[in-house]
Amino acid sequence: MTRTEFTTPIRDPHAALAQILADLGLRRTLTAILRQILAAHSPPRKAARTQALSNHMRRDIGLAPLPEELPSSRGYL
């Protein structure tokens, strides 16, 4: 079930919890709850550094090419 499919509020939380425990068991339910608690309190992961795509790869996926570096911008002149 996704959040968009959940349209009715829970009227009896105890009955809902009892149903979840009956379906999944105490161990799986507690494990899932602990994972959510730990995930909510952990710091966000840093995104991996990526290199710029070459113009060949950019063209393959439909992106505009990057401007070419001129020799003067590298300090050769």
N, C-alpha and C. Protein backbone atom coordinates (compact mmCIF):
# COMPACT_ATOMS: atom_id res chain seq x y z
N MET A 1 0.85 -1.18 0.00
CA MET A 1 0.00 0.00 0.00
C MET A 1 0.89 1.24 0.00
N THR A 2 0.54 2.17 -0.82
CA THR A 2 1.26 3.43 -0.83
C THR A 2 0.46 4.48 -0.09
N ARG A 3 1.08 5.59 0.15
CA ARG A 3 0.39 6.65 0.89
C ARG A 3 -0.79 7.20 0.12
N THR A 4 -0.73 7.16 -1.19
CA THR A 4 -1.83 7.70 -1.99
C THR A 4 -3.05 6.79 -1.94
N GLU A 5 -2.84 5.51 -1.64
CA GLU A 5 -3.97 4.59 -1.57
C GLU A 5 -4.64 4.62 -0.21
N PHE A 6 -4.01 5.22 0.78
CA PHE A 6 -4.53 5.26 2.15
C PHE A 6 -5.42 6.48 2.29
N THR A 7 -6.71 6.33 2.05
CA THR A 7 -7.60 7.49 2.03
C THR A 7 -8.46 7.60 3.28
N THR A 8 -8.65 6.51 4.02
CA THR A 8 -9.50 6.58 5.21
C THR A 8 -8.64 6.60 6.46
N PRO A 9 -9.00 7.44 7.44
CA PRO A 9 -8.21 7.47 8.67
C PRO A 9 -8.44 6.19 9.50
N ILE A 10 -7.48 5.87 10.34
CA ILE A 10 -7.61 4.70 11.20
C ILE A 10 -8.54 5.08 12.35
N ARG A 11 -9.61 4.33 12.48
CA ARG A 11 -10.58 4.65 13.52
C ARG A 11 -10.19 4.03 14.85
N ASP A 12 -9.63 2.83 14.82
CA ASP A 12 -9.22 2.16 16.04
C ASP A 12 -7.77 1.72 15.89
N PRO A 13 -6.85 2.52 16.43
CA PRO A 13 -5.43 2.18 16.25
C PRO A 13 -5.05 0.85 16.91
N HIS A 14 -5.71 0.50 18.01
CA HIS A 14 -5.39 -0.76 18.68
C HIS A 14 -5.77 -1.96 17.81
N ALA A 15 -6.91 -1.85 17.14
CA ALA A 15 -7.33 -2.94 16.25
C ALA A 15 -6.41 -3.03 15.04
N ALA A 16 -5.96 -1.88 14.54
CA ALA A 16 -5.05 -1.88 13.40
C ALA A 16 -3.71 -2.50 13.78
N LEU A 17 -3.20 -2.16 14.96
CA LEU A 17 -1.95 -2.74 15.43
C LEU A 17 -2.09 -4.23 15.66
N ALA A 18 -3.22 -4.64 16.22
CA ALA A 18 -3.46 -6.07 16.44
C ALA A 18 -3.49 -6.82 15.11
N GLN A 19 -4.06 -6.22 14.08
CA GLN A 19 -4.11 -6.85 12.76
C GLN A 19 -2.71 -6.96 12.15
N ILE A 20 -1.91 -5.92 12.29
CA ILE A 20 -0.54 -5.96 11.78
C ILE A 20 0.27 -7.03 12.51
N LEU A 21 0.13 -7.09 13.83
CA LEU A 21 0.84 -8.11 14.59
C LEU A 21 0.40 -9.52 14.21
N ALA A 22 -0.89 -9.68 13.95
CA ALA A 22 -1.39 -11.00 13.56
C ALA A 22 -0.86 -11.39 12.18
N ASP A 23 -0.77 -10.42 11.26
CA ASP A 23 -0.31 -10.71 9.90
C ASP A 23 1.20 -10.94 9.82
N LEU A 24 1.97 -10.07 10.49
CA LEU A 24 3.42 -10.08 10.32
C LEU A 24 4.18 -10.68 11.50
N GLY A 25 3.61 -10.67 12.65
CA GLY A 25 4.31 -11.17 13.83
C GLY A 25 4.99 -10.05 14.58
N LEU A 26 5.25 -10.30 15.85
CA LEU A 26 5.83 -9.28 16.72
C LEU A 26 7.26 -8.92 16.29
N ARG A 27 8.05 -9.91 15.95
CA ARG A 27 9.45 -9.67 15.61
C ARG A 27 9.61 -8.78 14.38
N ARG A 28 8.89 -9.09 13.30
CA ARG A 28 8.98 -8.27 12.08
C ARG A 28 8.43 -6.87 12.30
N THR A 29 7.37 -6.78 13.09
CA THR A 29 6.76 -5.47 13.36
C THR A 29 7.71 -4.59 14.15
N LEU A 30 8.31 -5.12 15.21
CA LEU A 30 9.24 -4.33 16.01
C LEU A 30 10.50 -3.97 15.22
N THR A 31 10.97 -4.88 14.39
CA THR A 31 12.14 -4.59 13.55
C THR A 31 11.85 -3.43 12.60
N ALA A 32 10.68 -3.45 11.99
CA ALA A 32 10.31 -2.37 11.07
C ALA A 32 10.17 -1.04 11.80
N ILE A 33 9.60 -1.06 12.98
CA ILE A 33 9.44 0.18 13.76
C ILE A 33 10.81 0.73 14.15
N LEU A 34 11.71 -0.13 14.60
CA LEU A 34 13.05 0.32 14.98
C LEU A 34 13.82 0.87 13.79
N ARG A 35 13.69 0.24 12.64
CA ARG A 35 14.36 0.76 11.44
C ARG A 35 13.87 2.16 11.10
N GLN A 36 12.58 2.38 11.21
CA GLN A 36 12.04 3.70 10.90
C GLN A 36 12.50 4.75 11.90
N ILE A 37 12.59 4.37 13.17
CA ILE A 37 13.06 5.31 14.19
C ILE A 37 14.52 5.67 13.93
N LEU A 38 15.35 4.67 13.64
CA LEU A 38 16.76 4.93 13.38
C LEU A 38 16.96 5.73 12.10
N ALA A 39 16.19 5.45 11.07
CA ALA A 39 16.32 6.18 9.80
C ALA A 39 15.90 7.63 9.97
N ALA A 40 14.93 7.89 10.82
CA ALA A 40 14.45 9.26 11.02
C ALA A 40 15.48 10.09 11.78
N HIS A 41 16.29 9.45 12.63
CA HIS A 41 17.23 10.19 13.46
C HIS A 41 18.66 10.14 12.95
N SER A 42 18.90 9.44 11.87
CA SER A 42 20.26 9.38 11.34
C SER A 42 20.51 10.58 10.44
N PRO A 43 21.76 11.03 10.36
CA PRO A 43 22.05 12.17 9.48
C PRO A 43 21.90 11.77 8.02
N PRO A 44 21.54 12.70 7.17
CA PRO A 44 21.37 12.36 5.74
C PRO A 44 22.71 11.96 5.13
N ARG A 45 22.65 11.05 4.20
CA ARG A 45 23.85 10.59 3.53
C ARG A 45 24.33 11.64 2.55
N LYS A 46 25.64 11.75 2.43
CA LYS A 46 26.21 12.69 1.47
C LYS A 46 26.14 12.07 0.08
N ALA A 47 25.82 12.88 -0.88
CA ALA A 47 25.76 12.41 -2.26
C ALA A 47 27.17 12.13 -2.75
N ALA A 48 27.29 11.10 -3.54
CA ALA A 48 28.59 10.75 -4.10
C ALA A 48 29.01 11.81 -5.12
N ARG A 49 30.29 12.11 -5.13
CA ARG A 49 30.78 13.08 -6.12
C ARG A 49 30.76 12.42 -7.48
N THR A 50 30.28 13.16 -8.42
CA THR A 50 30.23 12.64 -9.79
C THR A 50 31.08 13.53 -10.68
N GLN A 51 31.62 12.92 -11.70
CA GLN A 51 32.39 13.69 -12.67
C GLN A 51 31.44 14.19 -13.74
N ALA A 52 31.81 15.27 -14.36
CA ALA A 52 31.00 15.81 -15.45
C ALA A 52 31.02 14.81 -16.61
N LEU A 53 29.89 14.67 -17.24
CA LEU A 53 29.80 13.77 -18.39
C LEU A 53 30.53 14.37 -19.59
N SER A 54 31.13 13.51 -20.35
CA SER A 54 31.77 13.98 -21.58
C SER A 54 30.67 14.40 -22.57
N ASN A 55 31.06 15.21 -23.52
CA ASN A 55 30.07 15.66 -24.51
C ASN A 55 29.49 14.49 -25.30
N HIS A 56 30.29 13.45 -25.51
CA HIS A 56 29.80 12.27 -26.22
C HIS A 56 28.65 11.61 -25.43
N MET A 57 28.84 11.44 -24.12
CA MET A 57 27.80 10.84 -23.28
C MET A 57 26.59 11.77 -23.16
N ARG A 58 26.82 13.06 -23.04
CA ARG A 58 25.72 14.01 -22.95
C ARG A 58 24.87 13.96 -24.21
N ARG A 59 25.52 13.87 -25.37
CA ARG A 59 24.80 13.79 -26.64
C ARG A 59 23.97 12.50 -26.70
N ASP A 60 24.52 11.40 -26.18
CA ASP A 60 23.81 10.12 -26.21
C ASP A 60 22.51 10.14 -25.41
N ILE A 61 22.47 10.92 -24.33
CA ILE A 61 21.26 10.96 -23.52
C ILE A 61 20.41 12.20 -23.79
N GLY A 62 20.78 12.97 -24.80
CA GLY A 62 19.95 14.09 -25.23
C GLY A 62 20.22 15.41 -24.54
N LEU A 63 21.39 15.57 -23.92
CA LEU A 63 21.72 16.84 -23.28
C LEU A 63 22.58 17.68 -24.21
N ALA A 64 22.54 18.98 -23.98
CA ALA A 64 23.37 19.89 -24.77
C ALA A 64 24.83 19.70 -24.37
N PRO A 65 25.75 19.87 -25.31
CA PRO A 65 27.17 19.71 -24.98
C PRO A 65 27.66 20.85 -24.09
N LEU A 66 28.68 20.54 -23.29
CA LEU A 66 29.31 21.57 -22.47
C LEU A 66 30.19 22.43 -23.35
N PRO A 67 30.39 23.70 -22.99
CA PRO A 67 31.28 24.54 -23.80
C PRO A 67 32.71 24.02 -23.71
N GLU A 68 33.39 24.10 -24.81
CA GLU A 68 34.78 23.65 -24.87
C GLU A 68 35.65 24.62 -24.09
N GLU A 69 36.66 24.08 -23.39
CA GLU A 69 37.59 24.94 -22.68
C GLU A 69 38.61 25.48 -23.68
N LEU A 70 38.83 26.76 -23.63
CA LEU A 70 39.81 27.38 -24.51
C LEU A 70 41.19 27.30 -23.85
N PRO A 71 42.25 27.21 -24.65
CA PRO A 71 43.59 27.18 -24.05
C PRO A 71 43.88 28.38 -23.17
N SER A 72 43.28 29.54 -23.49
CA SER A 72 43.53 30.73 -22.68
C SER A 72 42.94 30.60 -21.29
N SER A 73 41.89 29.78 -21.11
CA SER A 73 41.30 29.62 -19.80
C SER A 73 42.13 28.70 -18.90
N ARG A 74 43.06 27.96 -19.49
CA ARG A 74 43.94 27.08 -18.71
C ARG A 74 45.24 27.76 -18.34
N GLY A 75 45.47 28.94 -18.82
CA GLY A 75 46.66 29.68 -18.47
C GLY A 75 47.84 29.43 -19.40
N TYR A 76 47.60 28.93 -20.61
CA TYR A 76 48.69 28.67 -21.54
C TYR A 76 49.16 29.92 -22.26
N LEU A 77 48.31 30.92 -22.32
CA LEU A 77 48.69 32.13 -23.07
C LEU A 77 49.09 33.24 -22.13
